[in-house]
Amino acid sequence: MRLNLLSVRLLPMLLASAVALSACSDANLKPNPTSPEYSGMGGPGDKNTSRMGDNGSLLTLGVSKDQGNQGSGGGAGLGVNAFLWRGALDTLSFMPLVSADPFGGVIVTEWYQPQGAVGERFKATAYILSTELRSDALRVTMFRQVQQGGQWVDAPMSKDTVDEIENKVLSRARALKAQTATSG
């Protein structure tokens, strides 16, 4: 019996779909034990979350097993620097958060309109690019829009403002590292 090329390609997708759908069964659903008031983000170094492989044996993304957390601030086997991650979250906390991916090192905020800035709003994205606490391991992108004729229109963002935000993140990260060094 000769199989059609199309059916050979569809078979793996159908099997994957069946497995995915079976995982969606509500028989194993349990209530979320996390309180809705919980404000922690579960990022690197967050003691309120447990991760399989905290010893660096199973979940080691971007950190060698012998490197671990020793001095790098890399978090529990995550691919980003824990101090930069927490510093970025702390620095951007005045803006509403849309998403935070501690494994990929990306923080995205919602549009934020300062009280004194009528007809102007801002949005930020922070990228943590390394497990090391270095200035080139952080990139912040800011967006600005102004209201014209009832519509939000993209406007240029001052490089000085972006540099200022990056410097605040780096300062906060260094302060967090210093706190950890003195308390540990």
C-alpha atoms as a PDB file:
ATOM      1  CA  MET A   1       0.000   0.000   0.000  1.00  0.00           C
ATOM      2  CA  ARG A   2       1.461   3.307  -1.047  1.00  0.00           C
ATOM      3  CA  LEU A   3       0.977   6.353   1.209  1.00  0.00           C
ATOM      4  CA  ASN A   4       0.262   9.716  -0.205  1.00  0.00           C
ATOM      5  CA  LEU A   5       2.936  12.363   0.604  1.00  0.00           C
ATOM      6  CA  LEU A   6       0.245  14.625   2.057  1.00  0.00           C
ATOM      7  CA  SER A   7      -0.938  11.926   4.471  1.00  0.00           C
ATOM      8  CA  VAL A   8       2.655  11.268   5.580  1.00  0.00           C
ATOM      9  CA  ARG A   9       3.017  14.943   6.465  1.00  0.00           C
ATOM     10  CA  LEU A  10      -0.371  15.143   8.178  1.00  0.00           C
ATOM     11  CA  LEU A  11       0.083  12.070  10.375  1.00  0.00           C
ATOM     12  CA  PRO A  12       2.635  13.665  12.790  1.00  0.00           C
ATOM     13  CA  MET A  13       0.508  16.812  13.042  1.00  0.00           C
ATOM     14  CA  LEU A  14      -2.610  14.789  13.799  1.00  0.00           C
ATOM     15  CA  LEU A  15      -0.789  12.795  16.467  1.00  0.00           C
ATOM     16  CA  ALA A  16       0.592  15.978  18.039  1.00  0.00           C
ATOM     17  CA  SER A  17      -2.879  17.529  18.001  1.00  0.00           C
ATOM     18  CA  ALA A  18      -4.379  14.455  19.673  1.00  0.00           C
ATOM     19  CA  VAL A  19      -1.754  14.565  22.412  1.00  0.00           C
ATOM     20  CA  ALA A  20      -2.280  18.294  22.910  1.00  0.00           C
ATOM     21  CA  LEU A  21      -6.045  17.890  23.113  1.00  0.00           C
ATOM     22  CA  SER A  22      -5.786  15.040  25.589  1.00  0.00           C
ATOM     23  CA  ALA A  23      -3.672  17.303  27.791  1.00  0.00           C
ATOM     24  CA  CYS A  24      -6.549  19.777  27.855  1.00  0.00           C
ATOM     25  CA  SER A  25      -8.808  17.372  29.738  1.00  0.00           C
ATOM     26  CA  ASP A  26     -10.424  18.989  32.772  1.00  0.00           C
ATOM     27  CA  ALA A  27     -10.082  15.791  34.855  1.00  0.00           C
ATOM     28  CA  ASN A  28      -6.751  16.960  36.274  1.00  0.00           C
ATOM     29  CA  LEU A  29      -7.537  20.632  36.770  1.00  0.00           C
ATOM     30  CA  LYS A  30      -6.845  21.988  40.227  1.00  0.00           C
ATOM     31  CA  PRO A  31      -7.464  25.469  41.601  1.00  0.00           C
ATOM     32  CA  ASN A  32      -4.574  27.898  41.391  1.00  0.00           C
ATOM     33  CA  PRO A  33      -3.040  28.093  44.892  1.00  0.00           C
ATOM     34  CA  THR A  34      -1.595  31.536  44.183  1.00  0.00           C
ATOM     35  CA  SER A  35      -3.578  34.336  45.727  1.00  0.00           C
ATOM     36  CA  PRO A  36      -4.877  36.936  43.229  1.00  0.00           C
ATOM     37  CA  GLU A  37      -3.224  39.592  45.399  1.00  0.00           C
ATOM     38  CA  TYR A  38       0.204  37.998  44.881  1.00  0.00           C
ATOM     39  CA  SER A  39       2.352  40.658  43.276  1.00  0.00           C
ATOM     40  CA  GLY A  40       5.514  38.632  42.705  1.00  0.00           C
ATOM     41  CA  MET A  41       6.435  37.928  39.120  1.00  0.00           C
ATOM     42  CA  GLY A  42       8.114  34.581  39.613  1.00  0.00           C
ATOM     43  CA  GLY A  43      11.288  35.864  38.041  1.00  0.00           C
ATOM     44  CA  PRO A  44      14.821  34.706  38.662  1.00  0.00           C
ATOM     45  CA  GLY A  45      15.638  34.572  42.345  1.00  0.00           C
ATOM     46  CA  ASP A  46      11.957  34.660  43.413  1.00  0.00           C
ATOM     47  CA  LYS A  47      11.779  32.385  46.445  1.00  0.00           C
ATOM     48  CA  ASN A  48       7.973  32.114  46.158  1.00  0.00           C
ATOM     49  CA  THR A  49       8.167  29.831  43.154  1.00  0.00           C
ATOM     50  CA  SER A  50       9.655  26.402  42.819  1.00  0.00           C
ATOM     51  CA  ARG A  51      11.312  25.260  39.648  1.00  0.00           C
ATOM     52  CA  MET A  52      12.351  21.761  38.730  1.00  0.00           C
ATOM     53  CA  GLY A  53      16.088  21.694  38.446  1.00  0.00           C
ATOM     54  CA  ASP A  54      16.953  24.492  40.898  1.00  0.00           C
ATOM     55  CA  ASN A  55      20.193  22.643  41.527  1.00  0.00           C
ATOM     56  CA  GLY A  56      21.203  23.298  37.922  1.00  0.00           C
ATOM     57  CA  SER A  57      20.890  19.685  36.875  1.00  0.00           C
ATOM     58  CA  LEU A  58      17.752  19.720  34.756  1.00  0.00           C
ATOM     59  CA  LEU A  59      16.715  23.247  33.839  1.00  0.00           C
ATOM     60  CA  THR A  60      19.922  25.047  32.950  1.00  0.00           C
ATOM     61  CA  LEU A  61      19.332  27.542  30.178  1.00  0.00           C
ATOM     62  CA  GLY A  62      22.330  29.664  29.327  1.00  0.00           C
ATOM     63  CA  VAL A  63      24.248  28.843  32.512  1.00  0.00           C
ATOM     64  CA  SER A  64      26.819  26.097  32.675  1.00  0.00           C
ATOM     65  CA  LYS A  65      26.394  23.534  35.456  1.00  0.00           C
ATOM     66  CA  ASP A  66      29.632  24.529  37.133  1.00  0.00           C
ATOM     67  CA  GLN A  67      28.778  28.238  36.906  1.00  0.00           C
ATOM     68  CA  GLY A  68      25.442  27.943  38.716  1.00  0.00           C
ATOM     69  CA  ASN A  69      24.504  31.093  40.592  1.00  0.00           C
ATOM     70  CA  GLN A  70      27.980  31.854  41.857  1.00  0.00           C
ATOM     71  CA  GLY A  71      28.443  35.541  41.226  1.00  0.00           C
ATOM     72  CA  SER A  72      26.530  35.657  37.974  1.00  0.00           C
ATOM     73  CA  GLY A  73      23.124  36.400  39.401  1.00  0.00           C
ATOM     74  CA  GLY A  74      21.815  34.118  36.688  1.00  0.00           C
ATOM     75  CA  GLY A  75      18.886  32.869  38.750  1.00  0.00           C
ATOM     76  CA  ALA A  76      17.873  29.248  39.097  1.00  0.00           C
ATOM     77  CA  GLY A  77      19.299  28.041  35.806  1.00  0.00           C
ATOM     78  CA  LEU A  78      17.603  30.771  33.793  1.00  0.00           C
ATOM     79  CA  GLY A  79      19.111  32.477  30.786  1.00  0.00           C
ATOM     80  CA  VAL A  80      18.997  35.972  32.269  1.00  0.00           C
ATOM     81  CA  ASN A  81      20.723  37.844  35.057  1.00  0.00           C
ATOM     82  CA  ALA A  82      18.500  37.879  38.158  1.00  0.00           C
ATOM     83  CA  PHE A  83      19.709  41.318  39.260  1.00  0.00           C
ATOM     84  CA  LEU A  84      19.030  42.906  35.871  1.00  0.00           C
ATOM     85  CA  TRP A  85      15.651  41.161  35.747  1.00  0.00           C
ATOM     86  CA  ARG A  86      14.574  42.432  39.169  1.00  0.00           C
ATOM     87  CA  GLY A  87      16.100  45.869  38.491  1.00  0.00           C
ATOM     88  CA  ALA A  88      14.113  46.175  35.253  1.00  0.00           C
ATOM     89  CA  LEU A  89      10.890  45.093  36.962  1.00  0.00           C
ATOM     90  CA  ASP A  90      11.461  47.533  39.815  1.00  0.00           C
ATOM     91  CA  THR A  91      12.393  50.420  37.523  1.00  0.00           C
ATOM     92  CA  LEU A  92       9.451  49.905  35.149  1.00  0.00           C
ATOM     93  CA  SER A  93       6.967  49.212  37.961  1.00  0.00           C
ATOM     94  CA  PHE A  94       5.328  52.629  37.509  1.00  0.00           C
ATOM     95  CA  MET A  95       3.983  51.397  34.148  1.00  0.00           C
ATOM     96  CA  PRO A  96       1.316  48.675  33.915  1.00  0.00           C
ATOM     97  CA  LEU A  97       2.864  45.325  33.035  1.00  0.00           C
ATOM     98  CA  VAL A  98       1.601  43.371  29.993  1.00  0.00           C
ATOM     99  CA  SER A  99       3.989  40.430  30.136  1.00  0.00           C
ATOM    100  CA  ALA A 100       7.180  39.281  31.777  1.00  0.00           C
ATOM    101  CA  ASP A 101       9.084  36.259  30.490  1.00  0.00           C
ATOM    102  CA  PRO A 102      11.875  35.394  32.949  1.00  0.00           C
ATOM    103  CA  PHE A 103      13.170  32.579  30.726  1.00  0.00           C
ATOM    104  CA  GLY A 104      13.451  34.740  27.611  1.00  0.00           C
ATOM    105  CA  GLY A 105      14.315  37.892  29.555  1.00  0.00           C
ATOM    106  CA  VAL A 106      11.622  40.129  28.052  1.00  0.00           C
ATOM    107  CA  ILE A 107       9.438  42.600  29.959  1.00  0.00           C
ATOM    108  CA  VAL A 108       6.676  44.455  28.113  1.00  0.00           C
ATOM    109  CA  THR A 109       4.589  47.248  29.611  1.00  0.00           C
ATOM    110  CA  GLU A 110       1.198  48.607  28.641  1.00  0.00           C
ATOM    111  CA  TRP A 111       0.769  52.174  27.447  1.00  0.00           C
ATOM    112  CA  TYR A 112       1.270  54.596  30.335  1.00  0.00           C
ATOM    113  CA  GLN A 113       0.066  58.175  30.437  1.00  0.00           C
ATOM    114  CA  PRO A 114       1.730  60.331  33.121  1.00  0.00           C
ATOM    115  CA  GLN A 115      -0.608  62.627  35.055  1.00  0.00           C
ATOM    116  CA  GLY A 116       0.997  65.811  33.778  1.00  0.00           C
ATOM    117  CA  ALA A 117       1.258  64.700  30.146  1.00  0.00           C
ATOM    118  CA  VAL A 118      -2.097  65.227  28.476  1.00  0.00           C
ATOM    119  CA  GLY A 119      -2.243  63.743  24.987  1.00  0.00           C
ATOM    120  CA  GLU A 120       1.009  61.809  25.364  1.00  0.00           C
ATOM    121  CA  ARG A 121       1.684  58.201  26.381  1.00  0.00           C
ATOM    122  CA  PHE A 122       4.628  55.816  26.655  1.00  0.00           C
ATOM    123  CA  LYS A 123       5.325  52.102  26.426  1.00  0.00           C
ATOM    124  CA  ALA A 124       8.519  50.177  27.250  1.00  0.00           C
ATOM    125  CA  THR A 125      10.109  46.845  26.462  1.00  0.00           C
ATOM    126  CA  ALA A 126      13.159  45.641  28.380  1.00  0.00           C
ATOM    127  CA  TYR A 127      15.411  42.863  27.105  1.00  0.00           C
ATOM    128  CA  ILE A 128      17.830  41.081  29.439  1.00  0.00           C
ATOM    129  CA  LEU A 129      20.387  39.572  27.071  1.00  0.00           C
ATOM    130  CA  SER A 130      22.847  37.747  29.309  1.00  0.00           C
ATOM    131  CA  THR A 131      23.432  35.966  32.592  1.00  0.00           C
ATOM    132  CA  GLU A 132      26.089  38.523  33.470  1.00  0.00           C
ATOM    133  CA  LEU A 133      25.530  41.869  35.166  1.00  0.00           C
ATOM    134  CA  ARG A 134      26.908  44.099  32.416  1.00  0.00           C
ATOM    135  CA  SER A 135      25.612  47.236  30.741  1.00  0.00           C
ATOM    136  CA  ASP A 136      25.505  45.550  27.339  1.00  0.00           C
ATOM    137  CA  ALA A 137      23.290  42.780  28.788  1.00  0.00           C
ATOM    138  CA  LEU A 138      20.353  45.194  28.914  1.00  0.00           C
ATOM    139  CA  ARG A 139      18.414  46.889  26.144  1.00  0.00           C
ATOM    140  CA  VAL A 140      15.386  49.074  26.766  1.00  0.00           C
ATOM    141  CA  THR A 141      13.135  50.191  23.940  1.00  0.00           C
ATOM    142  CA  MET A 142      10.642  52.972  24.581  1.00  0.00           C
ATOM    143  CA  PHE A 143       7.739  54.058  22.429  1.00  0.00           C
ATOM    144  CA  ARG A 144       5.941  57.386  22.524  1.00  0.00           C
ATOM    145  CA  GLN A 145       2.610  58.391  21.052  1.00  0.00           C
ATOM    146  CA  VAL A 146       0.827  61.727  20.954  1.00  0.00           C
ATOM    147  CA  GLN A 147      -2.829  62.360  20.379  1.00  0.00           C
ATOM    148  CA  GLN A 148      -3.666  64.163  17.142  1.00  0.00           C
ATOM    149  CA  GLY A 149      -7.245  64.574  15.990  1.00  0.00           C
ATOM    150  CA  GLY A 150      -8.507  61.951  18.437  1.00  0.00           C
ATOM    151  CA  GLN A 151      -6.000  59.334  17.211  1.00  0.00           C
ATOM    152  CA  TRP A 152      -2.784  58.110  18.816  1.00  0.00           C
ATOM    153  CA  VAL A 153       0.143  58.743  16.465  1.00  0.00           C
ATOM    154  CA  ASP A 154       3.708  57.468  16.890  1.00  0.00           C
ATOM    155  CA  ALA A 155       6.183  60.177  17.863  1.00  0.00           C
ATOM    156  CA  PRO A 156       9.968  60.189  18.299  1.00  0.00           C
ATOM    157  CA  MET A 157      11.342  59.180  21.684  1.00  0.00           C
ATOM    158  CA  SER A 158      14.241  61.021  23.254  1.00  0.00           C
ATOM    159  CA  LYS A 159      17.396  58.874  23.389  1.00  0.00           C
ATOM    160  CA  ASP A 160      18.258  60.620  26.664  1.00  0.00           C
ATOM    161  CA  THR A 161      15.063  59.269  28.244  1.00  0.00           C
ATOM    162  CA  VAL A 162      15.850  55.708  27.117  1.00  0.00           C
ATOM    163  CA  ASP A 163      19.431  56.047  28.402  1.00  0.00           C
ATOM    164  CA  GLU A 164      18.114  57.361  31.726  1.00  0.00           C
ATOM    165  CA  ILE A 165      15.781  54.364  32.131  1.00  0.00           C
ATOM    166  CA  GLU A 166      18.604  51.941  31.270  1.00  0.00           C
ATOM    167  CA  ASN A 167      20.910  53.651  33.787  1.00  0.00           C
ATOM    168  CA  LYS A 168      18.237  53.377  36.489  1.00  0.00           C
ATOM    169  CA  VAL A 169      17.819  49.655  35.769  1.00  0.00           C
ATOM    170  CA  LEU A 170      21.584  49.127  35.946  1.00  0.00           C
ATOM    171  CA  SER A 171      21.854  51.132  39.194  1.00  0.00           C
ATOM    172  CA  ARG A 172      19.032  49.129  40.755  1.00  0.00           C
ATOM    173  CA  ALA A 173      20.633  45.853  39.622  1.00  0.00           C
ATOM    174  CA  ARG A 174      23.976  46.854  41.136  1.00  0.00           C
ATOM    175  CA  ALA A 175      22.245  47.824  44.394  1.00  0.00           C
ATOM    176  CA  LEU A 176      20.446  44.472  44.509  1.00  0.00           C
ATOM    177  CA  LYS A 177      23.728  42.632  43.940  1.00  0.00           C
ATOM    178  CA  ALA A 178      25.412  44.642  46.684  1.00  0.00           C
ATOM    179  CA  GLN A 179      22.526  43.856  49.060  1.00  0.00           C
ATOM    180  CA  THR A 180      22.833  40.163  48.288  1.00  0.00           C
ATOM    181  CA  ALA A 181      26.605  40.224  48.813  1.00  0.00           C
ATOM    182  CA  THR A 182      26.307  41.892  52.233  1.00  0.00           C
ATOM    183  CA  SER A 183      23.388  39.775  53.455  1.00  0.00           C
ATOM    184  CA  GLY A 184      24.801  36.445  52.219  1.00  0.00           C
END
